[in-house]
Amino acid sequence: METITFHCKVITPMFLAGADGQTPELRAPSIKGAMRFWWRAMNGHLPLEELKKLEAEIFGGVGAGQGRSKVIVRVSDSGLNIRSAELVPHKPFMKQQAIQEEEQFEVVLSLTMNLPNFTIKHLKHLFELVCILGGFGKRARRGMGSVYIIESSTGDLIHSKIDLAYIQERISSFSPFYTLSRESIDFNYSGRSPKFGYIKQIQIGEAKKDGELLHTISNATHKVKEQNAYAYDPSMGHAFKGRYASPVYVSVIKGSVKPIITTLNIAPDKNEHQASRLIQEDFKKRIL
């Protein structure tokens, strides 16, 4: 069994509840769930049956012939400080308890068995991408719960410089079908992909002042939703009469305070004919 330890720090308030559903707590299942999500999102070139088979081999499953996860996640912290924070910054009255910024914790990842398409190197790259592209807890797709890696047990300073080339190098460990340009990383697979939220594009925006970025993201959400009525939900996600997680994922990069936007394939639960990439582009331009 091979193991890597990551020393991490919280960038934006983390609204991640514990077992009781209310008390903020950083839990291993939440991290493992995020890793599973982003692994799947980088494999839009795989047929659905193969995707499911490989996912179960790595992360475990309950189907016939599917065993336990090869990935073990442990979280270590010395007691994270909690504060009341704005869950939706353009609505300052909506406050909840959150793990506060600058809090530090360790994530210990172990791989019980190397697989042909998933080794300890893949595990390392996957967790890096989870921390760069995503976050943990409520409103993670709108900049909340972002973290960065201070260092790992391999000795390298992982987040010393995050740019598109750095991200592309790590994504290429999982898929050869992403092309790097000056402005973005784009999915270039010419075959037919399954209907789910795989990564279509990644962009990095301009640096913002401290405290400004989360309000920019929140206001962009409000304005675009206000202007697009029913077409907003299949384009940007919803949590009313069903749930469709937003296919436009905004996270935060530490240091320069830059937004990073990952656009996923549109696969709404209803009203797909109303989905519009123009609405997505409007939203992204307000942030980038």
C-alpha atoms as a PDB file:
ATOM      1  CA  MET A   1       0.000   0.000   0.000  1.00  0.00           C
ATOM      2  CA  GLU A   2       1.353   3.429  -1.022  1.00  0.00           C
ATOM      3  CA  THR A   3       0.453   6.625   0.826  1.00  0.00           C
ATOM      4  CA  ILE A   4       0.693  10.398   0.213  1.00  0.00           C
ATOM      5  CA  THR A   5      -0.033  13.135   2.751  1.00  0.00           C
ATOM      6  CA  PHE A   6      -1.221  16.592   1.669  1.00  0.00           C
ATOM      7  CA  HIS A   7      -1.021  19.642   3.922  1.00  0.00           C
ATOM      8  CA  CYS A   8      -3.909  21.928   2.918  1.00  0.00           C
ATOM      9  CA  LYS A   9      -5.347  25.327   3.757  1.00  0.00           C
ATOM     10  CA  VAL A  10      -8.891  26.682   3.357  1.00  0.00           C
ATOM     11  CA  ILE A  11      -9.197  29.619   0.913  1.00  0.00           C
ATOM     12  CA  THR A  12     -12.911  30.448   1.100  1.00  0.00           C
ATOM     13  CA  PRO A  13     -15.536  29.600   3.772  1.00  0.00           C
ATOM     14  CA  MET A  14     -16.293  25.880   3.763  1.00  0.00           C
ATOM     15  CA  PHE A  15     -19.937  24.998   4.436  1.00  0.00           C
ATOM     16  CA  LEU A  16     -19.399  21.301   4.974  1.00  0.00           C
ATOM     17  CA  ALA A  17     -21.597  19.672   7.589  1.00  0.00           C
ATOM     18  CA  GLY A  18     -20.732  16.671   9.728  1.00  0.00           C
ATOM     19  CA  ALA A  19     -22.782  13.597  10.603  1.00  0.00           C
ATOM     20  CA  ASP A  20     -25.578  15.636  12.216  1.00  0.00           C
ATOM     21  CA  GLY A  21     -26.083  17.651   9.034  1.00  0.00           C
ATOM     22  CA  GLN A  22     -25.451  21.009  10.710  1.00  0.00           C
ATOM     23  CA  THR A  23     -22.147  21.200  12.607  1.00  0.00           C
ATOM     24  CA  PRO A  24     -19.281  22.097  10.220  1.00  0.00           C
ATOM     25  CA  GLU A  25     -16.872  19.207   9.906  1.00  0.00           C
ATOM     26  CA  LEU A  26     -14.348  18.105   7.285  1.00  0.00           C
ATOM     27  CA  ARG A  27     -15.066  14.428   6.609  1.00  0.00           C
ATOM     28  CA  ALA A  28     -13.238  11.829   4.533  1.00  0.00           C
ATOM     29  CA  PRO A  29     -16.385  10.703   2.599  1.00  0.00           C
ATOM     30  CA  SER A  30     -16.858  14.247   1.255  1.00  0.00           C
ATOM     31  CA  ILE A  31     -13.291  14.320  -0.065  1.00  0.00           C
ATOM     32  CA  LYS A  32     -13.566  10.862  -1.572  1.00  0.00           C
ATOM     33  CA  GLY A  33     -16.859  11.814  -3.213  1.00  0.00           C
ATOM     34  CA  ALA A  34     -15.238  14.861  -4.804  1.00  0.00           C
ATOM     35  CA  MET A  35     -12.356  12.728  -6.073  1.00  0.00           C
ATOM     36  CA  ARG A  36     -14.792  10.277  -7.629  1.00  0.00           C
ATOM     37  CA  PHE A  37     -16.721  13.119  -9.289  1.00  0.00           C
ATOM     38  CA  TRP A  38     -13.656  14.749 -10.866  1.00  0.00           C
ATOM     39  CA  TRP A  39     -12.186  11.420 -12.014  1.00  0.00           C
ATOM     40  CA  ARG A  40     -15.441  10.736 -13.852  1.00  0.00           C
ATOM     41  CA  ALA A  41     -15.508  14.287 -15.273  1.00  0.00           C
ATOM     42  CA  MET A  42     -12.120  13.766 -16.930  1.00  0.00           C
ATOM     43  CA  ASN A  43     -13.200  10.612 -18.734  1.00  0.00           C
ATOM     44  CA  GLY A  44     -15.830  11.803 -21.180  1.00  0.00           C
ATOM     45  CA  HIS A  45     -14.121   9.817 -23.939  1.00  0.00           C
ATOM     46  CA  LEU A  46     -14.988   6.454 -22.347  1.00  0.00           C
ATOM     47  CA  PRO A  47     -18.124   4.459 -23.233  1.00  0.00           C
ATOM     48  CA  LEU A  48     -20.546   4.457 -20.323  1.00  0.00           C
ATOM     49  CA  GLU A  49     -20.157   0.779 -19.440  1.00  0.00           C
ATOM     50  CA  GLU A  50     -16.366   1.029 -19.430  1.00  0.00           C
ATOM     51  CA  LEU A  51     -16.546   4.229 -17.377  1.00  0.00           C
ATOM     52  CA  LYS A  52     -18.700   2.528 -14.746  1.00  0.00           C
ATOM     53  CA  LYS A  53     -16.455  -0.539 -14.663  1.00  0.00           C
ATOM     54  CA  LEU A  54     -13.240   1.456 -14.167  1.00  0.00           C
ATOM     55  CA  GLU A  55     -14.862   3.740 -11.596  1.00  0.00           C
ATOM     56  CA  ALA A  56     -15.957   0.738  -9.541  1.00  0.00           C
ATOM     57  CA  GLU A  57     -12.495  -0.832  -9.790  1.00  0.00           C
ATOM     58  CA  ILE A  58     -10.902   2.307  -8.367  1.00  0.00           C
ATOM     59  CA  PHE A  59     -13.499   3.656  -5.940  1.00  0.00           C
ATOM     60  CA  GLY A  60     -15.525   0.555  -5.176  1.00  0.00           C
ATOM     61  CA  GLY A  61     -19.095  -0.462  -5.901  1.00  0.00           C
ATOM     62  CA  VAL A  62     -21.955  -2.690  -4.777  1.00  0.00           C
ATOM     63  CA  GLY A  63     -22.597  -4.425  -8.095  1.00  0.00           C
ATOM     64  CA  ALA A  64     -21.722  -8.010  -8.981  1.00  0.00           C
ATOM     65  CA  GLY A  65     -17.963  -8.501  -8.954  1.00  0.00           C
ATOM     66  CA  GLN A  66     -17.309  -4.996  -7.604  1.00  0.00           C
ATOM     67  CA  GLY A  67     -15.243  -4.881  -4.454  1.00  0.00           C
ATOM     68  CA  ARG A  68     -13.979  -2.347  -1.973  1.00  0.00           C
ATOM     69  CA  SER A  69     -12.389   0.934  -2.958  1.00  0.00           C
ATOM     70  CA  LYS A  70      -8.668   0.897  -3.735  1.00  0.00           C
ATOM     71  CA  VAL A  71      -8.537   4.476  -2.421  1.00  0.00           C
ATOM     72  CA  ILE A  72      -8.490   5.141   1.326  1.00  0.00           C
ATOM     73  CA  VAL A  73      -8.984   8.710   2.592  1.00  0.00           C
ATOM     74  CA  ARG A  74      -8.160   9.952   6.080  1.00  0.00           C
ATOM     75  CA  VAL A  75      -8.456  13.509   7.396  1.00  0.00           C
ATOM     76  CA  SER A  76      -6.404  14.946  10.242  1.00  0.00           C
ATOM     77  CA  ASP A  77      -6.913  18.333  11.878  1.00  0.00           C
ATOM     78  CA  SER A  78      -6.290  19.864  15.279  1.00  0.00           C
ATOM     79  CA  GLY A  79      -9.774  21.329  15.575  1.00  0.00           C
ATOM     80  CA  LEU A  80     -10.905  23.667  12.832  1.00  0.00           C
ATOM     81  CA  ASN A  81     -12.186  27.128  13.760  1.00  0.00           C
ATOM     82  CA  ILE A  82     -15.784  27.884  12.827  1.00  0.00           C
ATOM     83  CA  ARG A  83     -17.403  31.234  12.078  1.00  0.00           C
ATOM     84  CA  SER A  84     -20.633  32.618  10.686  1.00  0.00           C
ATOM     85  CA  ALA A  85     -20.186  33.405   6.991  1.00  0.00           C
ATOM     86  CA  GLU A  86     -22.267  34.519   4.008  1.00  0.00           C
ATOM     87  CA  LEU A  87     -23.387  31.462   2.066  1.00  0.00           C
ATOM     88  CA  VAL A  88     -24.671  33.656  -0.794  1.00  0.00           C
ATOM     89  CA  PRO A  89     -22.619  36.910  -0.696  1.00  0.00           C
ATOM     90  CA  HIS A  90     -25.171  39.049  -2.582  1.00  0.00           C
ATOM     91  CA  LYS A  91     -27.648  38.080   0.176  1.00  0.00           C
ATOM     92  CA  PRO A  92     -25.676  38.962   3.332  1.00  0.00           C
ATOM     93  CA  PHE A  93     -28.582  37.973   5.583  1.00  0.00           C
ATOM     94  CA  MET A  94     -28.095  34.332   4.519  1.00  0.00           C
ATOM     95  CA  LYS A  95     -25.385  33.299   6.962  1.00  0.00           C
ATOM     96  CA  GLN A  96     -24.412  29.853   8.161  1.00  0.00           C
ATOM     97  CA  GLN A  97     -21.650  28.323  10.228  1.00  0.00           C
ATOM     98  CA  ALA A  98     -18.571  27.482   8.166  1.00  0.00           C
ATOM     99  CA  ILE A  99     -14.986  26.347   8.524  1.00  0.00           C
ATOM    100  CA  GLN A 100     -13.174  29.662   8.248  1.00  0.00           C
ATOM    101  CA  GLU A 101     -10.456  30.764   5.838  1.00  0.00           C
ATOM    102  CA  GLU A 102      -6.787  30.015   6.584  1.00  0.00           C
ATOM    103  CA  GLU A 103      -7.616  26.899   8.598  1.00  0.00           C
ATOM    104  CA  GLN A 104      -5.221  24.020   7.913  1.00  0.00           C
ATOM    105  CA  PHE A 105      -5.694  20.273   7.756  1.00  0.00           C
ATOM    106  CA  GLU A 106      -4.046  17.140   6.391  1.00  0.00           C
ATOM    107  CA  VAL A 107      -5.452  14.620   3.947  1.00  0.00           C
ATOM    108  CA  VAL A 108      -3.800  11.206   3.882  1.00  0.00           C
ATOM    109  CA  LEU A 109      -4.487   9.197   0.716  1.00  0.00           C
ATOM    110  CA  SER A 110      -3.581   5.535   0.371  1.00  0.00           C
ATOM    111  CA  LEU A 111      -3.789   3.268  -2.661  1.00  0.00           C
ATOM    112  CA  THR A 112      -4.140  -0.376  -1.708  1.00  0.00           C
ATOM    113  CA  MET A 113      -3.336  -1.664  -5.192  1.00  0.00           C
ATOM    114  CA  ASN A 114      -1.883  -0.168  -8.359  1.00  0.00           C
ATOM    115  CA  LEU A 115      -4.178  -0.634 -11.360  1.00  0.00           C
ATOM    116  CA  PRO A 116      -3.150  -0.371 -15.035  1.00  0.00           C
ATOM    117  CA  ASN A 117      -4.919   3.006 -15.369  1.00  0.00           C
ATOM    118  CA  PHE A 118      -4.646   4.225 -11.782  1.00  0.00           C
ATOM    119  CA  THR A 119      -1.372   4.346  -9.870  1.00  0.00           C
ATOM    120  CA  ILE A 120      -0.116   6.425  -6.958  1.00  0.00           C
ATOM    121  CA  LYS A 121       0.829   9.114  -9.512  1.00  0.00           C
ATOM    122  CA  HIS A 122      -2.783   9.243 -10.712  1.00  0.00           C
ATOM    123  CA  LEU A 123      -3.967   9.504  -7.111  1.00  0.00           C
ATOM    124  CA  LYS A 124      -1.650  12.460  -6.485  1.00  0.00           C
ATOM    125  CA  HIS A 125      -2.671  14.249  -9.684  1.00  0.00           C
ATOM    126  CA  LEU A 126      -6.355  13.608  -8.997  1.00  0.00           C
ATOM    127  CA  PHE A 127      -6.285  15.180  -5.552  1.00  0.00           C
ATOM    128  CA  GLU A 128      -4.377  18.186  -6.911  1.00  0.00           C
ATOM    129  CA  LEU A 129      -7.049  18.681  -9.573  1.00  0.00           C
ATOM    130  CA  VAL A 130      -9.839  18.324  -7.012  1.00  0.00           C
ATOM    131  CA  CYS A 131      -8.287  21.161  -4.996  1.00  0.00           C
ATOM    132  CA  ILE A 132      -7.684  23.353  -8.059  1.00  0.00           C
ATOM    133  CA  LEU A 133     -10.911  22.848 -10.016  1.00  0.00           C
ATOM    134  CA  GLY A 134     -13.343  22.231  -7.179  1.00  0.00           C
ATOM    135  CA  GLY A 135     -14.103  22.604  -3.499  1.00  0.00           C
ATOM    136  CA  PHE A 136     -15.996  20.972  -0.667  1.00  0.00           C
ATOM    137  CA  GLY A 137     -19.432  21.568   0.809  1.00  0.00           C
ATOM    138  CA  LYS A 138     -22.371  23.831  -0.071  1.00  0.00           C
ATOM    139  CA  ARG A 139     -21.913  26.336  -2.910  1.00  0.00           C
ATOM    140  CA  ALA A 140     -18.649  24.681  -3.954  1.00  0.00           C
ATOM    141  CA  ARG A 141     -19.638  25.383  -7.576  1.00  0.00           C
ATOM    142  CA  ARG A 142     -19.805  29.087  -6.739  1.00  0.00           C
ATOM    143  CA  GLY A 143     -16.400  29.520  -5.138  1.00  0.00           C
ATOM    144  CA  MET A 144     -17.081  28.319  -1.599  1.00  0.00           C
ATOM    145  CA  GLY A 145     -15.045  25.603   0.097  1.00  0.00           C
ATOM    146  CA  SER A 146     -11.959  26.179  -2.040  1.00  0.00           C
ATOM    147  CA  VAL A 147      -8.645  24.902  -0.698  1.00  0.00           C
ATOM    148  CA  TYR A 148      -5.043  24.835  -1.769  1.00  0.00           C
ATOM    149  CA  ILE A 149      -2.225  22.415  -1.081  1.00  0.00           C
ATOM    150  CA  ILE A 150       0.701  23.900   0.807  1.00  0.00           C
ATOM    151  CA  GLU A 151       2.876  20.837   0.323  1.00  0.00           C
ATOM    152  CA  SER A 152       2.768  17.082   0.018  1.00  0.00           C
ATOM    153  CA  SER A 153       4.840  14.266   1.491  1.00  0.00           C
ATOM    154  CA  THR A 154       6.502  13.930  -1.916  1.00  0.00           C
ATOM    155  CA  GLY A 155       8.309  17.181  -1.093  1.00  0.00           C
ATOM    156  CA  ASP A 156       7.016  19.462  -3.845  1.00  0.00           C
ATOM    157  CA  LEU A 157       5.179  22.759  -3.394  1.00  0.00           C
ATOM    158  CA  ILE A 158       2.164  21.899  -5.473  1.00  0.00           C
ATOM    159  CA  HIS A 159       0.329  25.216  -5.655  1.00  0.00           C
ATOM    160  CA  SER A 160       3.349  27.508  -6.011  1.00  0.00           C
ATOM    161  CA  LYS A 161       2.172  28.400  -9.536  1.00  0.00           C
ATOM    162  CA  ILE A 162      -1.144  27.329 -10.982  1.00  0.00           C
ATOM    163  CA  ASP A 163      -1.747  27.990 -14.666  1.00  0.00           C
ATOM    164  CA  LEU A 164      -3.418  26.194 -17.568  1.00  0.00           C
ATOM    165  CA  ALA A 165      -0.230  24.339 -18.522  1.00  0.00           C
ATOM    166  CA  TYR A 166       0.076  22.970 -14.984  1.00  0.00           C
ATOM    167  CA  ILE A 167      -3.528  21.774 -15.072  1.00  0.00           C
ATOM    168  CA  GLN A 168      -3.206  20.312 -18.575  1.00  0.00           C
ATOM    169  CA  GLU A 169      -0.198  18.259 -17.536  1.00  0.00           C
ATOM    170  CA  ARG A 170      -2.203  16.628 -14.750  1.00  0.00           C
ATOM    171  CA  ILE A 171      -5.351  16.067 -16.810  1.00  0.00           C
ATOM    172  CA  SER A 172      -3.259  14.289 -19.459  1.00  0.00           C
ATOM    173  CA  SER A 173      -2.638  11.558 -16.872  1.00  0.00           C
ATOM    174  CA  PHE A 174      -6.313  10.624 -17.266  1.00  0.00           C
ATOM    175  CA  SER A 175      -7.280  11.574 -20.805  1.00  0.00           C
ATOM    176  CA  PRO A 176      -5.376  12.401 -24.028  1.00  0.00           C
ATOM    177  CA  PHE A 177      -8.343  14.352 -25.374  1.00  0.00           C
ATOM    178  CA  TYR A 178      -7.715  17.798 -23.902  1.00  0.00           C
ATOM    179  CA  THR A 179      -6.016  20.559 -25.894  1.00  0.00           C
ATOM    180  CA  LEU A 180      -4.154  23.468 -24.304  1.00  0.00           C
ATOM    181  CA  SER A 181      -4.423  26.936 -25.832  1.00  0.00           C
ATOM    182  CA  ARG A 182      -3.515  30.381 -24.559  1.00  0.00           C
ATOM    183  CA  GLU A 183      -7.022  31.016 -23.212  1.00  0.00           C
ATOM    184  CA  SER A 184      -8.322  27.592 -22.190  1.00  0.00           C
ATOM    185  CA  ILE A 185      -8.128  23.825 -22.023  1.00  0.00           C
ATOM    186  CA  ASP A 186     -10.714  22.216 -24.318  1.00  0.00           C
ATOM    187  CA  PHE A 187     -12.106  18.727 -24.788  1.00  0.00           C
ATOM    188  CA  ASN A 188     -11.258  17.582 -28.325  1.00  0.00           C
ATOM    189  CA  TYR A 189     -12.660  14.058 -28.532  1.00  0.00           C
ATOM    190  CA  SER A 190     -14.371  13.507 -31.910  1.00  0.00           C
ATOM    191  CA  GLY A 191     -16.287  10.386 -30.909  1.00  0.00           C
ATOM    192  CA  ARG A 192     -19.596  10.066 -29.126  1.00  0.00           C
ATOM    193  CA  SER A 193     -19.479  10.715 -25.382  1.00  0.00           C
ATOM    194  CA  PRO A 194     -21.958   9.524 -22.740  1.00  0.00           C
ATOM    195  CA  LYS A 195     -24.601  11.963 -21.586  1.00  0.00           C
ATOM    196  CA  PHE A 196     -23.175  13.215 -18.290  1.00  0.00           C
ATOM    197  CA  GLY A 197     -21.183  16.155 -16.909  1.00  0.00           C
ATOM    198  CA  TYR A 198     -17.688  15.618 -18.268  1.00  0.00           C
ATOM    199  CA  ILE A 199     -15.243  18.531 -18.583  1.00  0.00           C
ATOM    200  CA  LYS A 200     -15.658  20.536 -21.789  1.00  0.00           C
ATOM    201  CA  GLN A 201     -13.501  23.583 -21.007  1.00  0.00           C
ATOM    202  CA  ILE A 202     -11.319  25.129 -18.293  1.00  0.00           C
ATOM    203  CA  GLN A 203     -10.526  28.866 -18.076  1.00  0.00           C
ATOM    204  CA  ILE A 204      -8.665  31.062 -15.583  1.00  0.00           C
ATOM    205  CA  GLY A 205      -9.790  34.640 -15.016  1.00  0.00           C
ATOM    206  CA  GLU A 206      -8.169  37.871 -13.947  1.00  0.00           C
ATOM    207  CA  ALA A 207      -7.009  38.498 -10.386  1.00  0.00           C
ATOM    208  CA  LYS A 208      -9.474  40.205  -8.059  1.00  0.00           C
ATOM    209  CA  LYS A 209      -9.035  42.149  -4.837  1.00  0.00           C
ATOM    210  CA  ASP A 210      -9.401  40.219  -1.586  1.00  0.00           C
ATOM    211  CA  GLY A 211     -13.068  39.821  -0.720  1.00  0.00           C
ATOM    212  CA  GLU A 212     -14.245  40.902  -4.169  1.00  0.00           C
ATOM    213  CA  LEU A 213     -14.280  37.607  -6.038  1.00  0.00           C
ATOM    214  CA  LEU A 214     -16.978  35.797  -4.066  1.00  0.00           C
ATOM    215  CA  HIS A 215     -19.308  38.786  -4.419  1.00  0.00           C
ATOM    216  CA  THR A 216     -18.589  38.916  -8.174  1.00  0.00           C
ATOM    217  CA  ILE A 217     -19.496  35.228  -8.537  1.00  0.00           C
ATOM    218  CA  SER A 218     -22.651  35.594  -6.439  1.00  0.00           C
ATOM    219  CA  ASN A 219     -23.829  38.713  -8.286  1.00  0.00           C
ATOM    220  CA  ALA A 220     -23.190  37.064 -11.661  1.00  0.00           C
ATOM    221  CA  THR A 221     -25.409  34.159 -10.621  1.00  0.00           C
ATOM    222  CA  HIS A 222     -28.159  36.538  -9.497  1.00  0.00           C
ATOM    223  CA  LYS A 223     -28.082  38.744 -12.625  1.00  0.00           C
ATOM    224  CA  VAL A 224     -27.980  35.903 -15.145  1.00  0.00           C
ATOM    225  CA  LYS A 225     -30.801  34.062 -13.415  1.00  0.00           C
ATOM    226  CA  GLU A 226     -32.875  37.254 -13.254  1.00  0.00           C
ATOM    227  CA  GLN A 227     -32.456  37.880 -16.989  1.00  0.00           C
ATOM    228  CA  ASN A 228     -33.088  34.385 -18.337  1.00  0.00           C
ATOM    229  CA  ALA A 229     -36.170  33.051 -16.543  1.00  0.00           C
ATOM    230  CA  TYR A 230     -36.928  29.398 -17.344  1.00  0.00           C
ATOM    231  CA  ALA A 231     -33.876  28.873 -19.591  1.00  0.00           C
ATOM    232  CA  TYR A 232     -31.577  29.420 -16.596  1.00  0.00           C
ATOM    233  CA  ASP A 233     -32.314  26.104 -14.870  1.00  0.00           C
ATOM    234  CA  PRO A 234     -31.331  23.675 -17.674  1.00  0.00           C
ATOM    235  CA  SER A 235     -28.360  25.894 -18.565  1.00  0.00           C
ATOM    236  CA  MET A 236     -26.969  26.668 -15.117  1.00  0.00           C
ATOM    237  CA  GLY A 237     -28.533  24.170 -12.697  1.00  0.00           C
ATOM    238  CA  HIS A 238     -31.327  24.206 -10.134  1.00  0.00           C
ATOM    239  CA  ALA A 239     -32.431  22.780  -6.781  1.00  0.00           C
ATOM    240  CA  PHE A 240     -36.214  23.198  -7.125  1.00  0.00           C
ATOM    241  CA  LYS A 241     -38.534  20.291  -8.039  1.00  0.00           C
ATOM    242  CA  GLY A 242     -35.569  18.017  -8.535  1.00  0.00           C
ATOM    243  CA  ARG A 243     -31.882  18.798  -8.572  1.00  0.00           C
ATOM    244  CA  TYR A 244     -29.465  19.445 -11.420  1.00  0.00           C
ATOM    245  CA  ALA A 245     -26.020  20.528 -10.218  1.00  0.00           C
ATOM    246  CA  SER A 246     -24.608  23.472 -12.158  1.00  0.00           C
ATOM    247  CA  PRO A 247     -22.525  22.482 -15.194  1.00  0.00           C
ATOM    248  CA  VAL A 248     -20.456  25.650 -14.716  1.00  0.00           C
ATOM    249  CA  TYR A 249     -18.102  25.134 -11.774  1.00  0.00           C
ATOM    250  CA  VAL A 250     -16.308  28.177 -10.312  1.00  0.00           C
ATOM    251  CA  SER A 251     -13.429  27.729  -7.881  1.00  0.00           C
ATOM    252  CA  VAL A 252     -10.771  30.051  -6.453  1.00  0.00           C
ATOM    253  CA  ILE A 253      -6.996  29.953  -6.859  1.00  0.00           C
ATOM    254  CA  LYS A 254      -4.972  31.087  -3.865  1.00  0.00           C
ATOM    255  CA  GLY A 255      -2.433  33.918  -3.933  1.00  0.00           C
ATOM    256  CA  SER A 256      -3.564  35.928  -6.911  1.00  0.00           C
ATOM    257  CA  VAL A 257      -7.245  35.396  -6.003  1.00  0.00           C
ATOM    258  CA  LYS A 258      -8.199  34.273  -9.497  1.00  0.00           C
ATOM    259  CA  PRO A 259     -11.376  32.502 -10.517  1.00  0.00           C
ATOM    260  CA  ILE A 260     -11.046  29.206 -12.359  1.00  0.00           C
ATOM    261  CA  ILE A 261     -14.111  28.117 -14.319  1.00  0.00           C
ATOM    262  CA  THR A 262     -14.715  24.557 -15.459  1.00  0.00           C
ATOM    263  CA  THR A 263     -17.566  24.095 -17.914  1.00  0.00           C
ATOM    264  CA  LEU A 264     -19.116  20.633 -17.918  1.00  0.00           C
ATOM    265  CA  ASN A 265     -21.209  19.007 -20.599  1.00  0.00           C
ATOM    266  CA  ILE A 266     -24.875  20.038 -20.372  1.00  0.00           C
ATOM    267  CA  ALA A 267     -27.014  17.121 -19.206  1.00  0.00           C
ATOM    268  CA  PRO A 268     -30.086  18.602 -17.455  1.00  0.00           C
ATOM    269  CA  ASP A 269     -32.753  16.493 -15.770  1.00  0.00           C
ATOM    270  CA  LYS A 270     -35.527  18.300 -17.677  1.00  0.00           C
ATOM    271  CA  ASN A 271     -36.206  20.960 -20.352  1.00  0.00           C
ATOM    272  CA  GLU A 272     -32.996  20.197 -22.229  1.00  0.00           C
ATOM    273  CA  HIS A 273     -34.336  22.022 -25.299  1.00  0.00           C
ATOM    274  CA  GLN A 274     -34.140  25.301 -23.317  1.00  0.00           C
ATOM    275  CA  ALA A 275     -30.470  24.861 -22.338  1.00  0.00           C
ATOM    276  CA  SER A 276     -28.278  27.605 -23.763  1.00  0.00           C
ATOM    277  CA  ARG A 277     -24.515  27.919 -23.940  1.00  0.00           C
ATOM    278  CA  LEU A 278     -25.032  31.658 -24.503  1.00  0.00           C
ATOM    279  CA  ILE A 279     -26.379  31.905 -20.954  1.00  0.00           C
ATOM    280  CA  GLN A 280     -23.298  30.073 -19.697  1.00  0.00           C
ATOM    281  CA  GLU A 281     -20.997  32.394 -21.654  1.00  0.00           C
ATOM    282  CA  ASP A 282     -22.732  35.463 -20.225  1.00  0.00           C
ATOM    283  CA  PHE A 283     -22.250  34.120 -16.698  1.00  0.00           C
ATOM    284  CA  LYS A 284     -18.574  33.321 -17.281  1.00  0.00           C
ATOM    285  CA  LYS A 285     -17.772  36.695 -18.846  1.00  0.00           C
ATOM    286  CA  ARG A 286     -19.088  38.462 -15.750  1.00  0.00           C
ATOM    287  CA  ILE A 287     -16.500  36.591 -13.671  1.00  0.00           C
ATOM    288  CA  LEU A 288     -13.488  36.134 -15.954  1.00  0.00           C
END
